[in-house]
Every structure is written in structure tokens, then in C-alpha cells.
Amino acid sequence: AAEAVAAEAVAEAVPSGRCILMLFGPPGSGKGTQAPKVSEKLGVPQLSTGDMLRAAVAEGSEVGMQAKAVMESGGLVSDEIVVGIIAERIAKPDCAKGFLLDGF
């Protein structure tokens, strides 16, 4: 249906090279519903900032430990820390062809 058409349009627009997509929208707008479908169609991983934060904390990376300290104090994780976590994640081999960033 509509999501298949959108995924095909993106695939045609990026015939080669790295495909990087970002989904934005308010809570409940369908980002989490559409992201796995588009990710599967394009063959790129779906990356959620929340999932990446939790994974970085669990891995004990430097930026993960920074995020953990902020979260444990009840604060909001800064954009600088989130960008660091994204940079670590997109450097992994499964993102070589691209990725879909689900929220920021």
C-alpha cells in the first residue's frame, strides 16, 4: 500500500550508495509502525535513539556512561551525547549501506 510506494520511491531515488533516512513526527504519528517496513524494504537497519542510548549504556562505552550519569540524575540527555551515540552506532558494518533513523 502507501508504505510500499514510499519505500519504492526512495529506493529509486537512491539507486546506489548509502541510503540515510530520518523519520520525524509527533508521538503517535506512525513512525514506529512505518520504520520497520521501510527498513526491511530498503535492506538497512532501523535505528531508534532510545534503543541506542540503552545499548550504549549496557555496552559501557564512554558516551554510554555519560548518558547513564545524566539519566540517573533525572536529566535529559544532551544532543551532544545523543549525536555521539548515533556516530558510534552508524560506524558499525551493518550501516555501511545506510540506515533509517527513527526519531531524534
PDB file of N, CA and C in Angstrom:
ATOM      1  N   ALA A   1       0.837  -1.181   0.000  1.00  0.00           N
ATOM      2  CA  ALA A   1       0.000   0.000   0.000  1.00  0.00           C
ATOM      3  C   ALA A   1       0.882   1.244   0.000  1.00  0.00           C
ATOM      4  N   ALA A   2       0.508   2.243   0.771  1.00  0.00           N
ATOM      5  CA  ALA A   2       1.206   3.530   0.758  1.00  0.00           C
ATOM      6  C   ALA A   2       2.660   3.388   1.182  1.00  0.00           C
ATOM      7  N   GLU A   3       2.923   2.564   2.220  1.00  0.00           N
ATOM      8  CA  GLU A   3       4.310   2.433   2.671  1.00  0.00           C
ATOM      9  C   GLU A   3       5.180   1.755   1.630  1.00  0.00           C
ATOM     10  N   ALA A   4       4.605   0.818   0.845  1.00  0.00           N
ATOM     11  CA  ALA A   4       5.363   0.152  -0.214  1.00  0.00           C
ATOM     12  C   ALA A   4       5.714   1.141  -1.317  1.00  0.00           C
ATOM     13  N   VAL A   5       4.783   1.994  -1.657  1.00  0.00           N
ATOM     14  CA  VAL A   5       5.027   3.011  -2.679  1.00  0.00           C
ATOM     15  C   VAL A   5       6.119   3.960  -2.219  1.00  0.00           C
ATOM     16  N   ALA A   6       6.063   4.387  -0.962  1.00  0.00           N
ATOM     17  CA  ALA A   6       7.076   5.301  -0.428  1.00  0.00           C
ATOM     18  C   ALA A   6       8.452   4.646  -0.439  1.00  0.00           C
ATOM     19  N   ALA A   7       8.532   3.393  -0.016  1.00  0.00           N
ATOM     20  CA  ALA A   7       9.816   2.683   0.015  1.00  0.00           C
ATOM     21  C   ALA A   7      10.374   2.515  -1.394  1.00  0.00           C
ATOM     22  N   GLU A   8       9.512   2.202  -2.365  1.00  0.00           N
ATOM     23  CA  GLU A   8       9.965   2.056  -3.750  1.00  0.00           C
ATOM     24  C   GLU A   8      10.458   3.382  -4.301  1.00  0.00           C
ATOM     25  N   ALA A   9       9.783   4.460  -3.964  1.00  0.00           N
ATOM     26  CA  ALA A   9      10.204   5.781  -4.428  1.00  0.00           C
ATOM     27  C   ALA A   9      11.577   6.129  -3.876  1.00  0.00           C
ATOM     28  N   VAL A  10      11.809   5.808  -2.614  1.00  0.00           N
ATOM     29  CA  VAL A  10      13.111   6.081  -2.009  1.00  0.00           C
ATOM     30  C   VAL A  10      14.178   5.217  -2.666  1.00  0.00           C
ATOM     31  N   ALA A  11      13.883   3.933  -2.886  1.00  0.00           N
ATOM     32  CA  ALA A  11      14.848   3.034  -3.500  1.00  0.00           C
ATOM     33  C   ALA A  11      15.220   3.511  -4.903  1.00  0.00           C
ATOM     34  N   GLU A  12      14.261   4.027  -5.648  1.00  0.00           N
ATOM     35  CA  GLU A  12      14.531   4.541  -6.986  1.00  0.00           C
ATOM     36  C   GLU A  12      15.335   5.837  -6.928  1.00  0.00           C
ATOM     37  N   ALA A  13      15.096   6.641  -5.908  1.00  0.00           N
ATOM     38  CA  ALA A  13      15.797   7.921  -5.779  1.00  0.00           C
ATOM     39  C   ALA A  13      17.257   7.726  -5.395  1.00  0.00           C
ATOM     40  N   VAL A  14      17.568   6.608  -4.751  1.00  0.00           N
ATOM     41  CA  VAL A  14      18.932   6.330  -4.309  1.00  0.00           C
ATOM     42  C   VAL A  14      19.354   4.982  -4.899  1.00  0.00           C
ATOM     43  N   PRO A  15      19.659   4.941  -6.218  1.00  0.00           N
ATOM     44  CA  PRO A  15      19.956   3.670  -6.861  1.00  0.00           C
ATOM     45  C   PRO A  15      21.256   3.024  -6.384  1.00  0.00           C
ATOM     46  N   SER A  16      22.206   3.825  -5.914  1.00  0.00           N
ATOM     47  CA  SER A  16      23.456   3.273  -5.404  1.00  0.00           C
ATOM     48  C   SER A  16      23.973   4.176  -4.306  1.00  0.00           C
ATOM     49  N   GLY A  17      24.904   3.665  -3.544  1.00  0.00           N
ATOM     50  CA  GLY A  17      25.456   4.456  -2.463  1.00  0.00           C
ATOM     51  C   GLY A  17      24.708   4.248  -1.166  1.00  0.00           C
ATOM     52  N   ARG A  18      25.016   5.062  -0.209  1.00  0.00           N
ATOM     53  CA  ARG A  18      24.463   4.945   1.143  1.00  0.00           C
ATOM     54  C   ARG A  18      23.111   5.637   1.232  1.00  0.00           C
ATOM     55  N   CYS A  19      22.121   4.934   1.738  1.00  0.00           N
ATOM     56  CA  CYS A  19      20.769   5.467   1.887  1.00  0.00           C
ATOM     57  C   CYS A  19      20.542   5.825   3.358  1.00  0.00           C
ATOM     58  N   ILE A  20      20.376   7.099   3.640  1.00  0.00           N
ATOM     59  CA  ILE A  20      20.162   7.563   5.007  1.00  0.00           C
ATOM     60  C   ILE A  20      18.807   8.252   5.077  1.00  0.00           C
ATOM     61  N   LEU A  21      17.929   7.712   5.925  1.00  0.00           N
ATOM     62  CA  LEU A  21      16.593   8.263   6.097  1.00  0.00           C
ATOM     63  C   LEU A  21      16.377   8.638   7.545  1.00  0.00           C
ATOM     64  N   MET A  22      15.611   9.691   7.771  1.00  0.00           N
ATOM     65  CA  MET A  22      15.246  10.098   9.121  1.00  0.00           C
ATOM     66  C   MET A  22      13.736  10.271   9.175  1.00  0.00           C
ATOM     67  N   LEU A  23      13.107   9.693  10.177  1.00  0.00           N
ATOM     68  CA  LEU A  23      11.676   9.856  10.363  1.00  0.00           C
ATOM     69  C   LEU A  23      11.430  10.827  11.508  1.00  0.00           C
ATOM     70  N   PHE A  24      10.606  11.816  11.248  1.00  0.00           N
ATOM     71  CA  PHE A  24      10.235  12.799  12.254  1.00  0.00           C
ATOM     72  C   PHE A  24       8.721  12.827  12.380  1.00  0.00           C
ATOM     73  N   GLY A  25       8.235  13.117  13.545  1.00  0.00           N
ATOM     74  CA  GLY A  25       6.803  13.264  13.742  1.00  0.00           C
ATOM     75  C   GLY A  25       6.478  13.227  15.212  1.00  0.00           C
ATOM     76  N   PRO A  26       5.316  13.717  15.557  1.00  0.00           N
ATOM     77  CA  PRO A  26       4.915  13.715  16.967  1.00  0.00           C
ATOM     78  C   PRO A  26       4.602  12.295  17.435  1.00  0.00           C
ATOM     79  N   PRO A  27       4.559  12.099  18.752  1.00  0.00           N
ATOM     80  CA  PRO A  27       4.180  10.784  19.270  1.00  0.00           C
ATOM     81  C   PRO A  27       2.838  10.338  18.681  1.00  0.00           C
ATOM     82  N   GLY A  28       2.791   9.079  18.295  1.00  0.00           N
ATOM     83  CA  GLY A  28       1.553   8.522  17.757  1.00  0.00           C
ATOM     84  C   GLY A  28       1.344   8.768  16.275  1.00  0.00           C
ATOM     85  N   SER A  29       2.325   9.341  15.590  1.00  0.00           N
ATOM     86  CA  SER A  29       2.157   9.657  14.168  1.00  0.00           C
ATOM     87  C   SER A  29       2.443   8.469  13.250  1.00  0.00           C
ATOM     88  N   GLY A  30       2.957   7.383  13.802  1.00  0.00           N
ATOM     89  CA  GLY A  30       3.191   6.191  12.995  1.00  0.00           C
ATOM     90  C   GLY A  30       4.633   5.914  12.638  1.00  0.00           C
ATOM     91  N   LYS A  31       5.575   6.660  13.209  1.00  0.00           N
ATOM     92  CA  LYS A  31       6.991   6.435  12.912  1.00  0.00           C
ATOM     93  C   LYS A  31       7.389   4.999  13.225  1.00  0.00           C
ATOM     94  N   GLY A  32       7.023   4.540  14.397  1.00  0.00           N
ATOM     95  CA  GLY A  32       7.388   3.190  14.827  1.00  0.00           C
ATOM     96  C   GLY A  32       6.687   2.097  14.045  1.00  0.00           C
ATOM     97  N   THR A  33       5.560   2.423  13.446  1.00  0.00           N
ATOM     98  CA  THR A  33       4.831   1.457  12.623  1.00  0.00           C
ATOM     99  C   THR A  33       5.449   1.366  11.232  1.00  0.00           C
ATOM    100  N   GLN A  34       5.784   2.499  10.656  1.00  0.00           N
ATOM    101  CA  GLN A  34       6.308   2.524   9.294  1.00  0.00           C
ATOM    102  C   GLN A  34       7.794   2.187   9.211  1.00  0.00           C
ATOM    103  N   ALA A  35       8.566   2.542  10.227  1.00  0.00           N
ATOM    104  CA  ALA A  35      10.016   2.353  10.169  1.00  0.00           C
ATOM    105  C   ALA A  35      10.435   0.921   9.865  1.00  0.00           C
ATOM    106  N   PRO A  36       9.902  -0.105  10.534  1.00  0.00           N
ATOM    107  CA  PRO A  36      10.345  -1.468  10.220  1.00  0.00           C
ATOM    108  C   PRO A  36      10.014  -1.878   8.783  1.00  0.00           C
ATOM    109  N   LYS A  37       8.908  -1.408   8.261  1.00  0.00           N
ATOM    110  CA  LYS A  37       8.511  -1.750   6.889  1.00  0.00           C
ATOM    111  C   LYS A  37       9.473  -1.129   5.876  1.00  0.00           C
ATOM    112  N   VAL A  38       9.785   0.138   6.073  1.00  0.00           N
ATOM    113  CA  VAL A  38      10.695   0.836   5.165  1.00  0.00           C
ATOM    114  C   VAL A  38      12.101   0.252   5.295  1.00  0.00           C
ATOM    115  N   SER A  39      12.531  -0.003   6.524  1.00  0.00           N
ATOM    116  CA  SER A  39      13.844  -0.584   6.786  1.00  0.00           C
ATOM    117  C   SER A  39      14.006  -1.923   6.077  1.00  0.00           C
ATOM    118  N   GLU A  40      13.005  -2.769   6.186  1.00  0.00           N
ATOM    119  CA  GLU A  40      13.056  -4.084   5.543  1.00  0.00           C
ATOM    120  C   GLU A  40      13.093  -3.939   4.025  1.00  0.00           C
ATOM    121  N   LYS A  41      12.264  -3.086   3.484  1.00  0.00           N
ATOM    122  CA  LYS A  41      12.188  -2.890   2.040  1.00  0.00           C
ATOM    123  C   LYS A  41      13.528  -2.406   1.481  1.00  0.00           C
ATOM    124  N   LEU A  42      14.191  -1.509   2.195  1.00  0.00           N
ATOM    125  CA  LEU A  42      15.451  -0.942   1.721  1.00  0.00           C
ATOM    126  C   LEU A  42      16.672  -1.775   2.118  1.00  0.00           C
ATOM    127  N   GLY A  43      16.491  -2.700   3.058  1.00  0.00           N
ATOM    128  CA  GLY A  43      17.602  -3.541   3.497  1.00  0.00           C
ATOM    129  C   GLY A  43      18.621  -2.802   4.340  1.00  0.00           C
ATOM    130  N   VAL A  44      18.140  -1.833   5.117  1.00  0.00           N
ATOM    131  CA  VAL A  44      19.028  -1.077   6.019  1.00  0.00           C
ATOM    132  C   VAL A  44      18.476  -1.187   7.431  1.00  0.00           C
ATOM    133  N   PRO A  45      19.347  -1.095   8.442  1.00  0.00           N
ATOM    134  CA  PRO A  45      18.849  -1.207   9.817  1.00  0.00           C
ATOM    135  C   PRO A  45      18.035   0.002  10.259  1.00  0.00           C
ATOM    136  N   GLN A  46      17.074  -0.270  11.115  1.00  0.00           N
ATOM    137  CA  GLN A  46      16.274   0.778  11.750  1.00  0.00           C
ATOM    138  C   GLN A  46      16.959   1.128  13.060  1.00  0.00           C
ATOM    139  N   LEU A  47      17.260   2.393  13.264  1.00  0.00           N
ATOM    140  CA  LEU A  47      17.943   2.830  14.477  1.00  0.00           C
ATOM    141  C   LEU A  47      17.031   3.753  15.270  1.00  0.00           C
ATOM    142  N   SER A  48      16.775   3.409  16.505  1.00  0.00           N
ATOM    143  CA  SER A  48      15.978   4.225  17.405  1.00  0.00           C
ATOM    144  C   SER A  48      16.919   4.856  18.419  1.00  0.00           C
ATOM    145  N   THR A  49      16.810   6.166  18.612  1.00  0.00           N
ATOM    146  CA  THR A  49      17.715   6.823  19.557  1.00  0.00           C
ATOM    147  C   THR A  49      17.567   6.250  20.959  1.00  0.00           C
ATOM    148  N   GLY A  50      16.354   5.939  21.368  1.00  0.00           N
ATOM    149  CA  GLY A  50      16.146   5.353  22.693  1.00  0.00           C
ATOM    150  C   GLY A  50      16.827   4.004  22.822  1.00  0.00           C
ATOM    151  N   ASP A  51      16.674   3.162  21.804  1.00  0.00           N
ATOM    152  CA  ASP A  51      17.329   1.850  21.818  1.00  0.00           C
ATOM    153  C   ASP A  51      18.845   1.997  21.829  1.00  0.00           C
ATOM    154  N   MET A  52      19.352   2.967  21.050  1.00  0.00           N
ATOM    155  CA  MET A  52      20.801   3.180  21.003  1.00  0.00           C
ATOM    156  C   MET A  52      21.330   3.676  22.335  1.00  0.00           C
ATOM    157  N   LEU A  53      20.591   4.539  23.006  1.00  0.00           N
ATOM    158  CA  LEU A  53      21.007   5.012  24.332  1.00  0.00           C
ATOM    159  C   LEU A  53      21.114   3.844  25.305  1.00  0.00           C
ATOM    160  N   ARG A  54      20.080   3.004  25.332  1.00  0.00           N
ATOM    161  CA  ARG A  54      20.088   1.855  26.240  1.00  0.00           C
ATOM    162  C   ARG A  54      21.233   0.900  25.905  1.00  0.00           C
ATOM    163  N   ALA A  55      21.484   0.677  24.616  1.00  0.00           N
ATOM    164  CA  ALA A  55      22.565  -0.227  24.202  1.00  0.00           C
ATOM    165  C   ALA A  55      23.932   0.340  24.581  1.00  0.00           C
ATOM    166  N   ALA A  56      24.131   1.644  24.383  1.00  0.00           N
ATOM    167  CA  ALA A  56      25.415   2.265  24.728  1.00  0.00           C
ATOM    168  C   ALA A  56      25.672   2.175  26.225  1.00  0.00           C
ATOM    169  N   VAL A  57      24.635   2.359  27.025  1.00  0.00           N
ATOM    170  CA  VAL A  57      24.770   2.237  28.477  1.00  0.00           C
ATOM    171  C   VAL A  57      25.127   0.791  28.833  1.00  0.00           C
ATOM    172  N   ALA A  58      24.422  -0.165  28.221  1.00  0.00           N
ATOM    173  CA  ALA A  58      24.673  -1.582  28.507  1.00  0.00           C
ATOM    174  C   ALA A  58      26.078  -2.002  28.082  1.00  0.00           C
ATOM    175  N   GLU A  59      26.579  -1.445  26.963  1.00  0.00           N
ATOM    176  CA  GLU A  59      27.925  -1.769  26.478  1.00  0.00           C
ATOM    177  C   GLU A  59      29.003  -1.126  27.341  1.00  0.00           C
ATOM    178  N   GLY A  60      28.646  -0.080  28.057  1.00  0.00           N
ATOM    179  CA  GLY A  60      29.619   0.608  28.897  1.00  0.00           C
ATOM    180  C   GLY A  60      30.567   1.504  28.127  1.00  0.00           C
ATOM    181  N   SER A  61      30.151   1.947  26.943  1.00  0.00           N
ATOM    182  CA  SER A  61      31.016   2.834  26.161  1.00  0.00           C
ATOM    183  C   SER A  61      31.151   4.178  26.886  1.00  0.00           C
ATOM    184  N   GLU A  62      32.154   4.952  26.485  1.00  0.00           N
ATOM    185  CA  GLU A  62      32.384   6.249  27.134  1.00  0.00           C
ATOM    186  C   GLU A  62      31.149   7.136  27.048  1.00  0.00           C
ATOM    187  N   VAL A  63      30.584   7.233  25.843  1.00  0.00           N
ATOM    188  CA  VAL A  63      29.405   8.074  25.668  1.00  0.00           C
ATOM    189  C   VAL A  63      28.192   7.453  26.371  1.00  0.00           C
ATOM    190  N   GLY A  64      28.154   6.126  26.439  1.00  0.00           N
ATOM    191  CA  GLY A  64      27.083   5.447  27.166  1.00  0.00           C
ATOM    192  C   GLY A  64      27.122   5.763  28.653  1.00  0.00           C
ATOM    193  N   MET A  65      28.325   5.836  29.206  1.00  0.00           N
ATOM    194  CA  MET A  65      28.475   6.161  30.620  1.00  0.00           C
ATOM    195  C   MET A  65      28.086   7.620  30.888  1.00  0.00           C
ATOM    196  N   GLN A  66      28.361   8.496  29.931  1.00  0.00           N
ATOM    197  CA  GLN A  66      27.934   9.888  30.070  1.00  0.00           C
ATOM    198  C   GLN A  66      26.410   9.958  30.096  1.00  0.00           C
ATOM    199  N   ALA A  67      25.785   9.226  29.195  1.00  0.00           N
ATOM    200  CA  ALA A  67      24.313   9.199  29.134  1.00  0.00           C
ATOM    201  C   ALA A  67      23.734   8.613  30.412  1.00  0.00           C
ATOM    202  N   LYS A  68      24.346   7.557  30.918  1.00  0.00           N
ATOM    203  CA  LYS A  68      23.863   6.901  32.136  1.00  0.00           C
ATOM    204  C   LYS A  68      23.870   7.879  33.313  1.00  0.00           C
ATOM    205  N   ALA A  69      24.950   8.637  33.442  1.00  0.00           N
ATOM    206  CA  ALA A  69      25.055   9.595  34.545  1.00  0.00           C
ATOM    207  C   ALA A  69      23.940  10.636  34.467  1.00  0.00           C
ATOM    208  N   VAL A  70      23.661  11.114  33.272  1.00  0.00           N
ATOM    209  CA  VAL A  70      22.604  12.112  33.090  1.00  0.00           C
ATOM    210  C   VAL A  70      21.239  11.507  33.408  1.00  0.00           C
ATOM    211  N   MET A  71      20.977  10.311  32.878  1.00  0.00           N
ATOM    212  CA  MET A  71      19.677   9.669  33.084  1.00  0.00           C
ATOM    213  C   MET A  71      19.449   9.330  34.552  1.00  0.00           C
ATOM    214  N   GLU A  72      20.502   8.864  35.237  1.00  0.00           N
ATOM    215  CA  GLU A  72      20.357   8.523  36.653  1.00  0.00           C
ATOM    216  C   GLU A  72      20.078   9.751  37.513  1.00  0.00           C
ATOM    217  N   SER A  73      20.537  10.915  37.057  1.00  0.00           N
ATOM    218  CA  SER A  73      20.282  12.146  37.812  1.00  0.00           C
ATOM    219  C   SER A  73      18.915  12.742  37.470  1.00  0.00           C
ATOM    220  N   GLY A  74      18.207  12.105  36.533  1.00  0.00           N
ATOM    221  CA  GLY A  74      16.878  12.580  36.150  1.00  0.00           C
ATOM    222  C   GLY A  74      16.887  13.640  35.071  1.00  0.00           C
ATOM    223  N   GLY A  75      18.056  13.907  34.498  1.00  0.00           N
ATOM    224  CA  GLY A  75      18.159  14.931  33.465  1.00  0.00           C
ATOM    225  C   GLY A  75      17.876  14.395  32.084  1.00  0.00           C
ATOM    226  N   LEU A  76      17.807  15.302  31.125  1.00  0.00           N
ATOM    227  CA  LEU A  76      17.648  14.936  29.719  1.00  0.00           C
ATOM    228  C   LEU A  76      19.028  14.804  29.091  1.00  0.00           C
ATOM    229  N   VAL A  77      19.214  13.757  28.322  1.00  0.00           N
ATOM    230  CA  VAL A  77      20.494  13.534  27.657  1.00  0.00           C
ATOM    231  C   VAL A  77      20.669  14.611  26.588  1.00  0.00           C
ATOM    232  N   SER A  78      21.825  15.252  26.581  1.00  0.00           N
ATOM    233  CA  SER A  78      22.076  16.359  25.653  1.00  0.00           C
ATOM    234  C   SER A  78      22.171  15.869  24.212  1.00  0.00           C
ATOM    235  N   ASP A  79      21.940  16.793  23.284  1.00  0.00           N
ATOM    236  CA  ASP A  79      22.089  16.474  21.863  1.00  0.00           C
ATOM    237  C   ASP A  79      23.509  16.000  21.571  1.00  0.00           C
ATOM    238  N   GLU A  80      24.486  16.596  22.228  1.00  0.00           N
ATOM    239  CA  GLU A  80      25.892  16.215  22.013  1.00  0.00           C
ATOM    240  C   GLU A  80      26.108  14.734  22.330  1.00  0.00           C
ATOM    241  N   ILE A  81      25.534  14.265  23.428  1.00  0.00           N
ATOM    242  CA  ILE A  81      25.675  12.857  23.804  1.00  0.00           C
ATOM    243  C   ILE A  81      24.917  11.974  22.824  1.00  0.00           C
ATOM    244  N   VAL A  82      23.708  12.370  22.461  1.00  0.00           N
ATOM    245  CA  VAL A  82      22.908  11.576  21.519  1.00  0.00           C
ATOM    246  C   VAL A  82      23.622  11.479  20.174  1.00  0.00           C
ATOM    247  N   VAL A  83      24.173  12.582  19.690  1.00  0.00           N
ATOM    248  CA  VAL A  83      24.904  12.569  18.424  1.00  0.00           C
ATOM    249  C   VAL A  83      26.117  11.650  18.534  1.00  0.00           C
ATOM    250  N   GLY A  84      26.793  11.660  19.676  1.00  0.00           N
ATOM    251  CA  GLY A  84      27.932  10.751  19.887  1.00  0.00           C
ATOM    252  C   GLY A  84      27.510   9.295  19.821  1.00  0.00           C
ATOM    253  N   ILE A  85      26.383   8.982  20.407  1.00  0.00           N
ATOM    254  CA  ILE A  85      25.870   7.611  20.385  1.00  0.00           C
ATOM    255  C   ILE A  85      25.481   7.213  18.961  1.00  0.00           C
ATOM    256  N   ILE A  86      24.856   8.123  18.236  1.00  0.00           N
ATOM    257  CA  ILE A  86      24.499   7.841  16.843  1.00  0.00           C
ATOM    258  C   ILE A  86      25.769   7.629  16.019  1.00  0.00           C
ATOM    259  N   ALA A  87      26.768   8.468  16.212  1.00  0.00           N
ATOM    260  CA  ALA A  87      28.019   8.340  15.454  1.00  0.00           C
ATOM    261  C   ALA A  87      28.678   6.987  15.706  1.00  0.00           C
ATOM    262  N   GLU A  88      28.682   6.527  16.965  1.00  0.00           N
ATOM    263  CA  GLU A  88      29.239   5.209  17.278  1.00  0.00           C
ATOM    264  C   GLU A  88      28.463   4.115  16.553  1.00  0.00           C
ATOM    265  N   ARG A  89      27.136   4.237  16.583  1.00  0.00           N
ATOM    266  CA  ARG A  89      26.296   3.178  16.007  1.00  0.00           C
ATOM    267  C   ARG A  89      26.392   3.110  14.490  1.00  0.00           C
ATOM    268  N   ILE A  90      26.388   4.255  13.810  1.00  0.00           N
ATOM    269  CA  ILE A  90      26.394   4.222  12.347  1.00  0.00           C
ATOM    270  C   ILE A  90      27.761   3.855  11.771  1.00  0.00           C
ATOM    271  N   ALA A  91      28.791   3.787  12.616  1.00  0.00           N
ATOM    272  CA  ALA A  91      30.113   3.350  12.169  1.00  0.00           C
ATOM    273  C   ALA A  91      30.202   1.821  12.094  1.00  0.00           C
ATOM    274  N   LYS A  92      29.188   1.125  12.600  1.00  0.00           N
ATOM    275  CA  LYS A  92      29.209  -0.345  12.594  1.00  0.00           C
ATOM    276  C   LYS A  92      28.922  -0.857  11.180  1.00  0.00           C
ATOM    277  N   PRO A  93      29.450  -2.039  10.851  1.00  0.00           N
ATOM    278  CA  PRO A  93      29.352  -2.572   9.488  1.00  0.00           C
ATOM    279  C   PRO A  93      27.939  -2.700   8.924  1.00  0.00           C
ATOM    280  N   ASP A  94      26.943  -2.962   9.760  1.00  0.00           N
ATOM    281  CA  ASP A  94      25.591  -3.143   9.223  1.00  0.00           C
ATOM    282  C   ASP A  94      24.988  -1.841   8.693  1.00  0.00           C
ATOM    283  N   CYS A  95      25.631  -0.720   8.972  1.00  0.00           N
ATOM    284  CA  CYS A  95      25.142   0.572   8.476  1.00  0.00           C
ATOM    285  C   CYS A  95      25.907   1.041   7.238  1.00  0.00           C
ATOM    286  N   ALA A  96      26.749   0.192   6.690  1.00  0.00           N
ATOM    287  CA  ALA A  96      27.564   0.580   5.537  1.00  0.00           C
ATOM    288  C   ALA A  96      26.708   0.979   4.339  1.00  0.00           C
ATOM    289  N   LYS A  97      25.574   0.298   4.130  1.00  0.00           N
ATOM    290  CA  LYS A  97      24.690   0.624   3.008  1.00  0.00           C
ATOM    291  C   LYS A  97      23.730   1.751   3.349  1.00  0.00           C
ATOM    292  N   GLY A  98      23.634   2.097   4.629  1.00  0.00           N
ATOM    293  CA  GLY A  98      22.733   3.141   5.065  1.00  0.00           C
ATOM    294  C   GLY A  98      21.980   2.735   6.314  1.00  0.00           C
ATOM    295  N   PHE A  99      21.036   3.566   6.710  1.00  0.00           N
ATOM    296  CA  PHE A  99      20.254   3.305   7.908  1.00  0.00           C
ATOM    297  C   PHE A  99      19.028   4.184   7.916  1.00  0.00           C
ATOM    298  N   LEU A 100      18.082   3.827   8.745  1.00  0.00           N
ATOM    299  CA  LEU A 100      16.867   4.609   8.947  1.00  0.00           C
ATOM    300  C   LEU A 100      16.875   5.049  10.409  1.00  0.00           C
ATOM    301  N   LEU A 101      16.908   6.338  10.637  1.00  0.00           N
ATOM    302  CA  LEU A 101      16.912   6.876  11.998  1.00  0.00           C
ATOM    303  C   LEU A 101      15.478   7.191  12.402  1.00  0.00           C
ATOM    304  N   ASP A 102      14.996   6.439  13.367  1.00  0.00           N
ATOM    305  CA  ASP A 102      13.611   6.544  13.833  1.00  0.00           C
ATOM    306  C   ASP A 102      13.565   7.507  15.023  1.00  0.00           C
ATOM    307  N   GLY A 103      13.359   8.783  14.727  1.00  0.00           N
ATOM    308  CA  GLY A 103      13.306   9.803  15.768  1.00  0.00           C
ATOM    309  C   GLY A 103      14.675  10.330  16.118  1.00  0.00           C
ATOM    310  N   PHE A 104      14.691  11.456  16.835  1.00  0.00           N
ATOM    311  CA  PHE A 104      15.949  12.047  17.285  1.00  0.00           C
ATOM    312  C   PHE A 104      15.695  12.831  18.541  1.00  0.00           C
TER     313      PHE A 104
END
